[in-house]
């Protein structure tokens, strides 16, 4: 009687670890968002969940030799480079479509922040816009030169400068907001509703403190 040897399929070998990984991640927390008629479930990544700040813990990082890092590192694949390219694209779209050609994206964000905060200090603007103090000072000076903001001093502390919108600035912001919404839409490009939700979710997760 002839006996035929049976060889295990390479696919089966690869499937087992995959099942183990799926089983191991069964307890991973996930969040479901609805975009139109489409639901998207985003599971928390173990590396992102480690540590108090959503940063990977040192114990979870695998040491790499300088040779390995050098061989695998391509600047065009790095997150910082991709984020910079994405922002450059957004800034270009902003300047092409905004009605006021003299208004930059940073200046518009600053005006929106002042509108929301009403009368506020430079430090308040820095906190909500994440623009550094030196840059904000330059933006405020240029907006003041255009008559878009008004400066005053805090009655309790004369050294403290307060910023508020002028009437022309309030009108400018109101007229510009619809265009800004269209610019955001254009920045998303061909991303579908689910991809847009995922992108915003992940970006917010990255910047959480």
N, C-alpha and C. Protein backbone atom coordinates (compact mmCIF):
# COMPACT_ATOMS: atom_id res chain seq x y z
N UNK A 1 0.85 -1.19 0.00
CA UNK A 1 0.00 0.00 0.00
C UNK A 1 0.89 1.25 0.00
N UNK A 2 0.61 2.15 -0.95
CA UNK A 2 1.47 3.32 -1.11
C UNK A 2 0.98 4.47 -0.22
N UNK A 3 1.89 4.99 0.52
CA UNK A 3 1.55 6.10 1.42
C UNK A 3 2.06 7.42 0.85
N UNK A 4 1.16 8.37 0.78
CA UNK A 4 1.52 9.68 0.22
C UNK A 4 1.80 10.67 1.35
N UNK A 5 2.98 11.28 1.33
CA UNK A 5 3.35 12.26 2.37
C UNK A 5 2.63 13.56 2.10
N UNK A 6 2.10 14.11 3.15
CA UNK A 6 1.37 15.38 3.02
C UNK A 6 2.23 16.51 3.58
N UNK A 7 2.43 17.52 2.73
CA UNK A 7 3.22 18.68 3.17
C UNK A 7 2.27 19.79 3.59
N UNK A 8 2.64 20.40 4.70
CA UNK A 8 1.80 21.50 5.19
C UNK A 8 1.93 22.70 4.27
N UNK A 9 0.80 23.38 4.04
CA UNK A 9 0.79 24.54 3.16
C UNK A 9 1.45 25.73 3.82
N UNK A 10 2.30 26.45 3.05
CA UNK A 10 2.92 27.67 3.64
C UNK A 10 1.88 28.68 4.06
N UNK A 11 0.74 28.64 3.34
CA UNK A 11 -0.33 29.59 3.69
C UNK A 11 -0.87 29.31 5.06
N UNK A 12 -1.01 27.99 5.36
CA UNK A 12 -1.53 27.61 6.68
C UNK A 12 -0.59 28.06 7.78
N UNK A 13 0.73 27.98 7.52
CA UNK A 13 1.71 28.41 8.53
C UNK A 13 1.60 29.90 8.79
N UNK A 14 1.33 30.63 7.69
CA UNK A 14 1.26 32.06 7.87
C UNK A 14 -0.05 32.49 8.52
N UNK A 15 -1.09 31.65 8.33
CA UNK A 15 -2.40 32.00 8.86
C UNK A 15 -2.43 31.93 10.38
N UNK A 16 -1.74 30.92 10.95
CA UNK A 16 -1.77 30.72 12.40
C UNK A 16 -1.29 31.95 13.17
N UNK A 17 -0.11 32.51 12.82
CA UNK A 17 0.32 33.72 13.54
C UNK A 17 -0.67 34.85 13.38
N UNK A 18 -1.28 34.93 12.16
CA UNK A 18 -2.24 36.00 11.94
C UNK A 18 -3.42 35.86 12.86
N UNK A 19 -3.87 34.58 13.06
CA UNK A 19 -4.97 34.35 13.99
C UNK A 19 -4.58 34.70 15.41
N UNK A 20 -3.34 34.36 15.73
CA UNK A 20 -2.86 34.68 17.08
C UNK A 20 -2.85 36.18 17.29
N UNK A 21 -2.43 36.92 16.25
CA UNK A 21 -2.40 38.37 16.38
C UNK A 21 -3.80 38.93 16.52
N UNK A 22 -4.73 38.34 15.74
CA UNK A 22 -6.11 38.80 15.82
C UNK A 22 -6.67 38.53 17.21
N UNK A 23 -6.32 37.34 17.77
CA UNK A 23 -6.80 36.99 19.09
C UNK A 23 -6.19 37.90 20.14
N UNK A 24 -4.91 38.21 19.97
CA UNK A 24 -4.22 39.05 20.96
C UNK A 24 -4.79 40.46 20.96
N UNK A 25 -5.29 40.91 19.78
CA UNK A 25 -5.79 42.27 19.70
C UNK A 25 -7.28 42.36 19.96
N UNK A 26 -7.88 41.22 20.37
CA UNK A 26 -9.32 41.22 20.57
C UNK A 26 -9.75 42.19 21.65
N UNK A 27 -8.87 42.41 22.63
CA UNK A 27 -9.23 43.30 23.74
C UNK A 27 -8.88 44.75 23.47
N UNK A 28 -8.38 45.05 22.26
CA UNK A 28 -7.99 46.41 21.95
C UNK A 28 -9.21 47.29 21.80
N UNK A 29 -9.19 48.45 22.43
CA UNK A 29 -10.33 49.36 22.36
C UNK A 29 -10.46 49.91 20.95
N UNK A 30 -11.68 50.16 20.53
CA UNK A 30 -11.90 50.72 19.21
C UNK A 30 -13.00 51.75 19.27
N UNK A 31 -13.01 52.65 18.28
CA UNK A 31 -14.01 53.69 18.21
C UNK A 31 -14.64 53.65 16.84
N UNK A 32 -15.97 53.75 16.78
CA UNK A 32 -16.69 53.71 15.52
C UNK A 32 -17.23 55.09 15.20
N UNK A 33 -16.97 55.57 13.98
CA UNK A 33 -17.48 56.85 13.52
C UNK A 33 -18.35 56.60 12.30
N UNK A 34 -19.32 57.46 12.11
CA UNK A 34 -20.21 57.35 10.96
C UNK A 34 -19.93 58.50 10.02
N UNK A 35 -19.62 58.20 8.76
CA UNK A 35 -19.39 59.21 7.74
C UNK A 35 -20.41 58.96 6.64
N UNK A 36 -21.46 59.77 6.59
CA UNK A 36 -22.51 59.53 5.62
C UNK A 36 -23.22 58.23 5.97
N UNK A 37 -23.25 57.27 5.02
CA UNK A 37 -23.87 55.98 5.26
C UNK A 37 -22.83 54.93 5.59
N UNK A 38 -21.62 55.35 5.79
CA UNK A 38 -20.51 54.43 5.96
C UNK A 38 -19.95 54.54 7.37
N UNK A 39 -19.82 53.40 8.03
CA UNK A 39 -19.23 53.36 9.36
C UNK A 39 -17.77 53.01 9.26
N UNK A 40 -16.96 53.60 10.10
CA UNK A 40 -15.53 53.26 10.12
C UNK A 40 -15.12 52.99 11.55
N UNK A 41 -14.47 51.87 11.76
CA UNK A 41 -14.02 51.49 13.09
C UNK A 41 -12.51 51.67 13.15
N UNK A 42 -12.06 52.44 14.12
CA UNK A 42 -10.63 52.70 14.28
C UNK A 42 -10.19 52.10 15.60
N UNK A 43 -9.32 51.12 15.54
CA UNK A 43 -8.84 50.47 16.75
C UNK A 43 -7.62 51.17 17.28
N UNK A 44 -7.51 51.23 18.58
CA UNK A 44 -6.35 51.86 19.20
C UNK A 44 -5.12 51.00 18.97
N UNK A 45 -4.05 51.64 18.51
CA UNK A 45 -2.80 50.93 18.29
C UNK A 45 -2.08 50.75 19.62
N UNK A 46 -1.57 49.55 19.92
CA UNK A 46 -0.88 49.32 21.19
C UNK A 46 0.24 50.31 21.43
N UNK A 47 0.97 50.68 20.35
CA UNK A 47 2.09 51.61 20.54
C UNK A 47 1.57 52.98 20.91
N UNK A 48 0.45 53.41 20.27
CA UNK A 48 -0.09 54.72 20.58
C UNK A 48 -0.72 54.75 21.96
N UNK A 49 -1.23 53.58 22.40
CA UNK A 49 -1.89 53.53 23.69
C UNK A 49 -0.92 53.49 24.86
N UNK A 50 0.32 53.13 24.59
CA UNK A 50 1.30 52.99 25.67
C UNK A 50 1.69 54.35 26.21
N UNK A 51 1.83 54.43 27.52
CA UNK A 51 2.28 55.67 28.14
C UNK A 51 1.14 56.64 28.37
N UNK A 52 1.37 57.63 29.20
CA UNK A 52 0.33 58.58 29.55
C UNK A 52 0.03 59.55 28.41
N UNK A 53 0.98 59.78 27.53
CA UNK A 53 0.82 60.79 26.50
C UNK A 53 0.44 60.18 25.17
N UNK A 54 0.07 58.90 25.11
CA UNK A 54 -0.23 58.27 23.84
C UNK A 54 1.02 57.99 23.05
N UNK A 55 2.16 57.97 23.70
CA UNK A 55 3.43 57.73 23.05
C UNK A 55 3.90 56.32 23.37
N UNK A 56 4.67 55.69 22.45
CA UNK A 56 5.16 54.35 22.74
C UNK A 56 6.11 54.35 23.92
N UNK A 57 5.99 53.37 24.81
CA UNK A 57 6.89 53.28 25.95
C UNK A 57 8.24 52.77 25.48
N UNK A 58 9.28 53.04 26.27
CA UNK A 58 10.63 52.62 25.88
C UNK A 58 10.72 51.11 25.74
N UNK A 59 9.98 50.39 26.58
CA UNK A 59 10.05 48.93 26.53
C UNK A 59 9.45 48.37 25.26
N UNK A 60 8.58 49.16 24.57
CA UNK A 60 7.95 48.65 23.37
C UNK A 60 8.75 48.93 22.11
N UNK A 61 9.80 49.75 22.22
CA UNK A 61 10.62 50.08 21.07
C UNK A 61 11.71 49.04 20.86
N UNK A 62 11.86 48.60 19.62
CA UNK A 62 12.87 47.59 19.30
C UNK A 62 14.16 48.29 18.89
N UNK A 63 15.27 48.03 19.60
CA UNK A 63 16.52 48.69 19.24
C UNK A 63 16.94 48.34 17.82
N UNK A 64 17.47 49.31 17.10
CA UNK A 64 17.93 49.10 15.74
C UNK A 64 19.37 49.57 15.63
N UNK A 65 20.15 48.85 14.89
CA UNK A 65 21.55 49.23 14.70
C UNK A 65 21.61 50.40 13.73
N UNK A 66 22.73 51.13 13.77
CA UNK A 66 22.89 52.27 12.87
C UNK A 66 22.84 51.82 11.42
N UNK A 67 23.37 50.64 11.16
CA UNK A 67 23.37 50.13 9.79
C UNK A 67 21.96 49.85 9.31
N UNK A 68 21.14 49.28 10.20
CA UNK A 68 19.75 48.98 9.84
C UNK A 68 18.96 50.26 9.61
N UNK A 69 19.14 51.23 10.49
CA UNK A 69 18.44 52.50 10.35
C UNK A 69 18.83 53.19 9.06
N UNK A 70 20.11 53.22 8.75
CA UNK A 70 20.60 53.87 7.55
C UNK A 70 20.04 53.21 6.29
N UNK A 71 19.95 51.90 6.32
CA UNK A 71 19.48 51.17 5.15
C UNK A 71 17.99 51.35 4.92
N UNK A 72 17.22 51.51 6.00
CA UNK A 72 15.77 51.56 5.89
C UNK A 72 15.19 52.98 5.91
N UNK A 73 16.03 53.97 6.17
CA UNK A 73 15.52 55.34 6.32
C UNK A 73 15.47 56.05 4.97
N UNK A 74 14.27 56.48 4.61
CA UNK A 74 14.08 57.29 3.40
C UNK A 74 13.26 58.51 3.83
N UNK A 75 13.83 59.70 3.68
CA UNK A 75 13.20 60.90 4.21
C UNK A 75 11.80 61.12 3.62
N UNK A 76 11.60 60.71 2.36
CA UNK A 76 10.31 60.95 1.72
C UNK A 76 9.19 60.09 2.30
N UNK A 77 9.56 59.07 3.09
CA UNK A 77 8.56 58.21 3.73
C UNK A 77 8.26 58.63 5.16
N UNK A 78 8.97 59.62 5.69
CA UNK A 78 8.84 59.98 7.09
C UNK A 78 7.61 60.86 7.32
N UNK A 79 7.00 60.70 8.48
CA UNK A 79 5.76 61.40 8.80
C UNK A 79 5.94 62.92 8.77
N UNK A 80 7.07 63.41 9.25
CA UNK A 80 7.30 64.86 9.25
C UNK A 80 7.32 65.42 7.85
N UNK A 81 7.97 64.71 6.94
CA UNK A 81 8.05 65.15 5.55
C UNK A 81 6.66 65.14 4.91
N UNK A 82 5.89 64.10 5.16
CA UNK A 82 4.56 63.99 4.57
C UNK A 82 3.61 65.05 5.12
N UNK A 83 3.71 65.33 6.43
CA UNK A 83 2.89 66.38 7.02
C UNK A 83 3.26 67.75 6.43
N UNK A 84 4.55 67.97 6.23
CA UNK A 84 5.00 69.24 5.65
C UNK A 84 4.48 69.40 4.22
N UNK A 85 4.53 68.31 3.45
CA UNK A 85 4.02 68.35 2.07
C UNK A 85 2.52 68.61 2.05
N UNK A 86 1.81 67.97 2.98
CA UNK A 86 0.36 68.15 3.04
C UNK A 86 0.01 69.60 3.40
N UNK A 87 0.77 70.20 4.34
CA UNK A 87 0.50 71.59 4.72
C UNK A 87 0.86 72.54 3.58
N UNK A 88 1.95 72.27 2.87
CA UNK A 88 2.32 73.11 1.73
C UNK A 88 1.22 73.09 0.68
N UNK A 89 0.63 71.93 0.47
CA UNK A 89 -0.48 71.81 -0.48
C UNK A 89 -1.68 72.63 -0.01
N UNK A 90 -1.99 72.53 1.28
CA UNK A 90 -3.12 73.29 1.81
C UNK A 90 -2.87 74.79 1.70
N UNK A 91 -1.66 75.24 2.03
CA UNK A 91 -1.33 76.66 1.97
C UNK A 91 -1.45 77.19 0.54
N UNK A 92 -1.02 76.38 -0.43
CA UNK A 92 -1.11 76.78 -1.84
C UNK A 92 -2.57 76.91 -2.27
N UNK A 93 -3.41 75.96 -1.86
CA UNK A 93 -4.83 76.01 -2.19
C UNK A 93 -5.47 77.23 -1.54
N UNK A 94 -5.08 77.54 -0.30
CA UNK A 94 -5.61 78.69 0.42
C UNK A 94 -5.33 79.97 -0.36
N UNK A 95 -4.09 80.18 -0.76
CA UNK A 95 -3.71 81.41 -1.44
C UNK A 95 -4.37 81.53 -2.82
N UNK A 96 -4.66 80.40 -3.45
CA UNK A 96 -5.28 80.42 -4.78
C UNK A 96 -6.77 80.79 -4.71
N UNK A 97 -7.45 80.42 -3.61
CA UNK A 97 -8.90 80.55 -3.57
C UNK A 97 -9.42 81.62 -2.60
N UNK A 98 -8.58 82.14 -1.74
CA UNK A 98 -9.05 83.12 -0.77
C UNK A 98 -9.31 84.46 -1.48
N UNK A 99 -10.40 85.13 -1.20
CA UNK A 99 -10.70 86.39 -1.91
C UNK A 99 -9.68 87.48 -1.66
N UNK A 100 -9.21 87.61 -0.41
CA UNK A 100 -8.24 88.65 -0.05
C UNK A 100 -6.84 88.09 -0.26
N UNK A 101 -6.18 88.52 -1.33
CA UNK A 101 -4.87 87.97 -1.67
C UNK A 101 -3.79 88.32 -0.66
N UNK A 102 -4.04 89.36 0.16
CA UNK A 102 -3.05 89.76 1.16
C UNK A 102 -3.16 88.95 2.45
N UNK A 103 -4.22 88.18 2.58
CA UNK A 103 -4.47 87.44 3.82
C UNK A 103 -3.84 86.05 3.74
N UNK A 104 -2.94 85.74 4.68
CA UNK A 104 -2.32 84.42 4.72
C UNK A 104 -3.15 83.49 5.60
N UNK A 105 -2.84 82.18 5.49
CA UNK A 105 -3.57 81.19 6.31
C UNK A 105 -3.37 81.46 7.80
N UNK A 106 -2.14 81.79 8.19
CA UNK A 106 -1.85 82.07 9.61
C UNK A 106 -2.59 83.31 10.09
N UNK A 107 -2.67 84.34 9.24
CA UNK A 107 -3.39 85.56 9.62
C UNK A 107 -4.88 85.28 9.77
N UNK A 108 -5.44 84.46 8.88
CA UNK A 108 -6.86 84.14 8.96
C UNK A 108 -7.16 83.35 10.23
N UNK A 109 -6.30 82.39 10.56
CA UNK A 109 -6.48 81.61 11.79
C UNK A 109 -6.42 82.55 13.01
N UNK A 110 -5.52 83.51 12.97
CA UNK A 110 -5.39 84.46 14.08
C UNK A 110 -6.65 85.31 14.22
N UNK A 111 -7.19 85.78 13.11
CA UNK A 111 -8.42 86.56 13.14
C UNK A 111 -9.59 85.74 13.68
N UNK A 112 -9.66 84.47 13.27
CA UNK A 112 -10.73 83.59 13.76
C UNK A 112 -10.60 83.37 15.27
N UNK A 113 -9.35 83.22 15.73
CA UNK A 113 -9.12 83.03 17.17
C UNK A 113 -9.55 84.26 17.96
N UNK A 114 -9.21 85.44 17.46
CA UNK A 114 -9.59 86.68 18.15
C UNK A 114 -11.12 86.83 18.13
N UNK A 115 -11.75 86.47 17.02
CA UNK A 115 -13.22 86.52 16.94
C UNK A 115 -13.85 85.63 18.01
N UNK A 116 -13.30 84.42 18.17
CA UNK A 116 -13.86 83.48 19.14
C UNK A 116 -13.59 83.90 20.58
N UNK A 117 -12.40 84.45 20.81
CA UNK A 117 -12.01 84.85 22.17
C UNK A 117 -12.50 86.25 22.52
N UNK A 118 -12.91 87.00 21.49
CA UNK A 118 -13.25 88.42 21.64
C UNK A 118 -11.99 89.17 22.07
N UNK A 119 -12.04 89.99 23.10
CA UNK A 119 -10.83 90.70 23.53
C UNK A 119 -9.92 89.73 24.27
N UNK A 120 -8.66 89.62 23.83
CA UNK A 120 -7.76 88.62 24.40
C UNK A 120 -6.32 89.10 24.34
N UNK A 121 -5.46 88.39 25.03
CA UNK A 121 -4.02 88.72 25.04
C UNK A 121 -3.31 87.91 23.97
N UNK A 122 -2.05 88.26 23.71
CA UNK A 122 -1.25 87.50 22.74
C UNK A 122 -1.05 86.07 23.22
N UNK A 123 -0.88 85.90 24.52
CA UNK A 123 -0.70 84.55 25.08
C UNK A 123 -1.92 83.68 24.83
N UNK A 124 -3.11 84.27 24.90
CA UNK A 124 -4.34 83.53 24.63
C UNK A 124 -4.36 83.05 23.18
N UNK A 125 -3.93 83.91 22.27
CA UNK A 125 -3.91 83.55 20.85
C UNK A 125 -2.91 82.43 20.60
N UNK A 126 -1.75 82.53 21.26
CA UNK A 126 -0.72 81.49 21.11
C UNK A 126 -1.26 80.13 21.54
N UNK A 127 -2.00 80.10 22.64
CA UNK A 127 -2.51 78.84 23.18
C UNK A 127 -3.48 78.15 22.22
N UNK A 128 -4.39 78.92 21.64
CA UNK A 128 -5.43 78.31 20.81
C UNK A 128 -4.97 78.05 19.37
N UNK A 129 -3.99 78.80 18.89
CA UNK A 129 -3.55 78.62 17.50
C UNK A 129 -2.31 77.74 17.37
N UNK A 130 -1.57 77.55 18.46
CA UNK A 130 -0.31 76.80 18.44
C UNK A 130 0.74 77.48 17.57
N UNK A 131 0.59 78.78 17.37
CA UNK A 131 1.60 79.58 16.66
C UNK A 131 2.49 80.22 17.72
N UNK A 132 3.80 80.19 17.51
CA UNK A 132 4.70 80.68 18.55
C UNK A 132 4.57 82.19 18.75
N UNK A 133 5.02 82.64 19.92
CA UNK A 133 4.84 84.03 20.35
C UNK A 133 5.46 85.02 19.37
N UNK A 134 6.68 84.74 18.91
CA UNK A 134 7.35 85.67 18.00
C UNK A 134 6.58 85.83 16.69
N UNK A 135 6.09 84.72 16.16
CA UNK A 135 5.33 84.77 14.91
C UNK A 135 4.02 85.51 15.10
N UNK A 136 3.36 85.26 16.23
CA UNK A 136 2.09 85.95 16.51
C UNK A 136 2.29 87.46 16.58
N UNK A 137 3.39 87.88 17.20
CA UNK A 137 3.67 89.32 17.28
C UNK A 137 3.77 89.92 15.88
N UNK A 138 4.47 89.24 14.98
CA UNK A 138 4.60 89.73 13.61
C UNK A 138 3.26 89.76 12.89
N UNK A 139 2.44 88.74 13.10
CA UNK A 139 1.11 88.69 12.48
C UNK A 139 0.25 89.83 12.99
N UNK A 140 0.27 90.05 14.31
CA UNK A 140 -0.54 91.11 14.91
C UNK A 140 -0.11 92.48 14.37
N UNK A 141 1.18 92.70 14.21
CA UNK A 141 1.67 93.97 13.68
C UNK A 141 1.18 94.21 12.26
N UNK A 142 1.20 93.14 11.43
CA UNK A 142 0.74 93.29 10.04
C UNK A 142 -0.78 93.51 9.97
N UNK A 143 -1.51 92.81 10.83
CA UNK A 143 -2.96 92.99 10.85
C UNK A 143 -3.34 94.38 11.36
N UNK A 144 -2.58 94.86 12.32
CA UNK A 144 -2.82 96.22 12.85
C UNK A 144 -2.55 97.27 11.77
N UNK A 145 -1.50 97.04 10.98
CA UNK A 145 -1.16 97.98 9.91
C UNK A 145 -2.28 98.05 8.87
N UNK A 146 -3.03 96.97 8.73
CA UNK A 146 -4.15 96.95 7.78
C UNK A 146 -5.45 97.42 8.42
N UNK A 147 -5.40 97.77 9.70
CA UNK A 147 -6.59 98.24 10.38
C UNK A 147 -7.58 97.14 10.70
N UNK A 148 -7.09 95.89 10.81
CA UNK A 148 -7.98 94.76 11.06
C UNK A 148 -8.10 94.41 12.54
N UNK A 149 -7.18 94.88 13.34
CA UNK A 149 -7.28 94.63 14.78
C UNK A 149 -7.01 95.92 15.55
N UNK A 150 -7.51 95.94 16.77
CA UNK A 150 -7.31 97.09 17.64
C UNK A 150 -6.62 96.64 18.91
N UNK A 151 -5.67 97.43 19.37
CA UNK A 151 -4.91 97.11 20.58
C UNK A 151 -5.31 98.01 21.72
N UNK A 152 -5.32 97.45 22.91
CA UNK A 152 -5.61 98.22 24.11
C UNK A 152 -4.82 97.62 25.26
N UNK A 153 -4.87 98.26 26.43
CA UNK A 153 -4.15 97.76 27.60
C UNK A 153 -5.14 97.28 28.66
N UNK A 154 -4.76 96.21 29.32
CA UNK A 154 -5.58 95.67 30.40
C UNK A 154 -5.63 96.68 31.55
N UNK A 155 -6.84 96.99 32.02
CA UNK A 155 -6.98 97.98 33.10
C UNK A 155 -6.30 97.50 34.40
N UNK A 156 -6.29 96.18 34.61
CA UNK A 156 -5.67 95.64 35.83
C UNK A 156 -4.16 95.58 35.72
N UNK A 157 -3.65 95.44 34.51
CA UNK A 157 -2.21 95.36 34.29
C UNK A 157 -1.88 96.09 32.99
N UNK A 158 -1.40 97.32 33.10
CA UNK A 158 -1.15 98.16 31.93
C UNK A 158 -0.09 97.59 31.01
N UNK A 159 0.72 96.68 31.53
CA UNK A 159 1.76 96.08 30.69
C UNK A 159 1.19 95.04 29.74
N UNK A 160 -0.01 94.58 30.02
CA UNK A 160 -0.64 93.51 29.22
C UNK A 160 -1.41 94.12 28.04
N UNK A 161 -1.04 93.69 26.83
CA UNK A 161 -1.68 94.19 25.61
C UNK A 161 -2.85 93.28 25.25
N UNK A 162 -4.00 93.89 24.97
CA UNK A 162 -5.20 93.14 24.59
C UNK A 162 -5.51 93.41 23.12
N UNK A 163 -6.00 92.39 22.46
CA UNK A 163 -6.28 92.46 21.03
C UNK A 163 -7.76 92.21 20.78
N UNK A 164 -8.34 92.95 19.85
CA UNK A 164 -9.73 92.73 19.46
C UNK A 164 -9.87 93.03 17.96
N UNK A 165 -10.94 92.51 17.36
CA UNK A 165 -11.17 92.74 15.94
C UNK A 165 -11.77 94.12 15.70
N UNK A 166 -11.37 94.73 14.60
CA UNK A 166 -12.04 95.95 14.17
C UNK A 166 -13.32 95.55 13.42
N UNK A 167 -14.18 96.51 13.14
CA UNK A 167 -15.42 96.21 12.42
C UNK A 167 -15.13 95.66 11.02
N UNK A 168 -14.12 96.20 10.37
CA UNK A 168 -13.77 95.72 9.02
C UNK A 168 -13.25 94.29 9.08
N UNK A 169 -12.54 93.94 10.15
CA UNK A 169 -12.02 92.58 10.30
C UNK A 169 -13.15 91.60 10.54
N UNK A 170 -14.13 91.98 11.34
CA UNK A 170 -15.28 91.11 11.60
C UNK A 170 -16.01 90.81 10.31
N UNK A 171 -16.16 91.82 9.46
CA UNK A 171 -16.80 91.63 8.15
C UNK A 171 -15.95 90.73 7.26
N UNK A 172 -14.64 90.95 7.28
CA UNK A 172 -13.73 90.15 6.47
C UNK A 172 -13.79 88.68 6.86
N UNK A 173 -13.77 88.39 8.15
CA UNK A 173 -13.83 87.00 8.62
C UNK A 173 -15.14 86.35 8.19
N UNK A 174 -16.25 87.06 8.38
CA UNK A 174 -17.55 86.51 8.00
C UNK A 174 -17.62 86.22 6.51
N UNK A 175 -17.04 87.09 5.69
CA UNK A 175 -17.07 86.90 4.24
C UNK A 175 -16.11 85.79 3.79
N UNK A 176 -15.07 85.55 4.58
CA UNK A 176 -14.04 84.60 4.18
C UNK A 176 -14.34 83.17 4.61
N UNK A 177 -15.09 83.00 5.69
CA UNK A 177 -15.37 81.66 6.23
C UNK A 177 -15.93 80.69 5.18
N UNK A 178 -16.91 81.09 4.34
CA UNK A 178 -17.40 80.14 3.32
C UNK A 178 -16.30 79.67 2.37
N UNK A 179 -15.40 80.56 2.01
CA UNK A 179 -14.28 80.18 1.14
C UNK A 179 -13.34 79.24 1.88
N UNK A 180 -13.13 79.49 3.17
CA UNK A 180 -12.25 78.64 3.97
C UNK A 180 -12.79 77.22 4.04
N UNK A 181 -14.12 77.08 4.14
CA UNK A 181 -14.73 75.75 4.16
C UNK A 181 -14.50 75.03 2.83
N UNK A 182 -14.58 75.76 1.72
CA UNK A 182 -14.32 75.17 0.41
C UNK A 182 -12.85 74.78 0.27
N UNK A 183 -11.97 75.57 0.88
CA UNK A 183 -10.53 75.27 0.84
C UNK A 183 -10.24 73.98 1.60
N UNK A 184 -10.89 73.81 2.75
CA UNK A 184 -10.72 72.57 3.52
C UNK A 184 -11.19 71.38 2.69
N UNK A 185 -12.30 71.56 2.00
CA UNK A 185 -12.84 70.49 1.14
C UNK A 185 -11.84 70.15 0.05
N UNK A 186 -11.24 71.17 -0.56
CA UNK A 186 -10.27 70.94 -1.63
C UNK A 186 -9.01 70.29 -1.09
N UNK A 187 -8.64 70.60 0.14
CA UNK A 187 -7.43 70.01 0.74
C UNK A 187 -7.60 68.51 0.92
N UNK A 188 -8.80 68.06 1.26
CA UNK A 188 -9.05 66.62 1.39
C UNK A 188 -8.85 65.90 0.06
N UNK A 189 -9.06 66.60 -1.03
CA UNK A 189 -8.85 65.99 -2.34
C UNK A 189 -9.81 64.84 -2.60
N UNK A 190 -9.25 63.69 -3.00
CA UNK A 190 -10.05 62.53 -3.38
C UNK A 190 -10.35 61.58 -2.21
N UNK A 191 -10.05 61.98 -1.00
CA UNK A 191 -10.33 61.11 0.15
C UNK A 191 -11.84 60.93 0.29
N UNK A 192 -12.27 59.68 0.52
CA UNK A 192 -13.69 59.43 0.73
C UNK A 192 -14.09 59.82 2.15
N UNK A 193 -15.40 59.85 2.45
CA UNK A 193 -15.85 60.30 3.79
C UNK A 193 -15.20 59.53 4.93
N UNK A 194 -15.06 58.21 4.78
CA UNK A 194 -14.47 57.41 5.85
C UNK A 194 -12.99 57.75 6.04
N UNK A 195 -12.27 57.98 4.94
CA UNK A 195 -10.85 58.33 5.02
C UNK A 195 -10.67 59.70 5.67
N UNK A 196 -11.60 60.61 5.42
CA UNK A 196 -11.51 61.94 6.02
C UNK A 196 -11.69 61.87 7.53
N UNK A 197 -12.67 61.08 7.97
CA UNK A 197 -12.89 60.90 9.40
C UNK A 197 -11.65 60.28 10.05
N UNK A 198 -11.09 59.25 9.38
CA UNK A 198 -9.91 58.57 9.92
C UNK A 198 -8.71 59.51 10.00
N UNK A 199 -8.52 60.33 8.97
CA UNK A 199 -7.39 61.27 8.94
C UNK A 199 -7.48 62.26 10.09
N UNK A 200 -8.64 62.88 10.27
CA UNK A 200 -8.81 63.86 11.34
C UNK A 200 -8.64 63.19 12.70
N UNK A 201 -9.20 61.98 12.86
CA UNK A 201 -9.08 61.25 14.12
C UNK A 201 -7.61 60.99 14.46
N UNK A 202 -6.85 60.52 13.49
CA UNK A 202 -5.45 60.17 13.74
C UNK A 202 -4.58 61.41 13.99
N UNK A 203 -4.86 62.49 13.26
CA UNK A 203 -4.10 63.73 13.49
C UNK A 203 -4.38 64.27 14.90
N UNK A 204 -5.63 64.24 15.32
CA UNK A 204 -5.96 64.70 16.67
C UNK A 204 -5.30 63.81 17.72
N UNK A 205 -5.26 62.52 17.44
CA UNK A 205 -4.63 61.57 18.37
C UNK A 205 -3.13 61.85 18.50
N UNK A 206 -2.50 62.22 17.39
CA UNK A 206 -1.05 62.50 17.40
C UNK A 206 -0.73 63.73 18.23
N UNK A 207 -1.62 64.73 18.23
CA UNK A 207 -1.28 65.99 18.90
C UNK A 207 -1.84 66.06 20.31
N UNK A 208 -2.51 64.99 20.77
CA UNK A 208 -3.03 65.01 22.13
C UNK A 208 -1.88 65.12 23.13
N UNK A 209 -2.10 65.88 24.17
CA UNK A 209 -1.09 66.03 25.22
C UNK A 209 -1.43 65.17 26.42
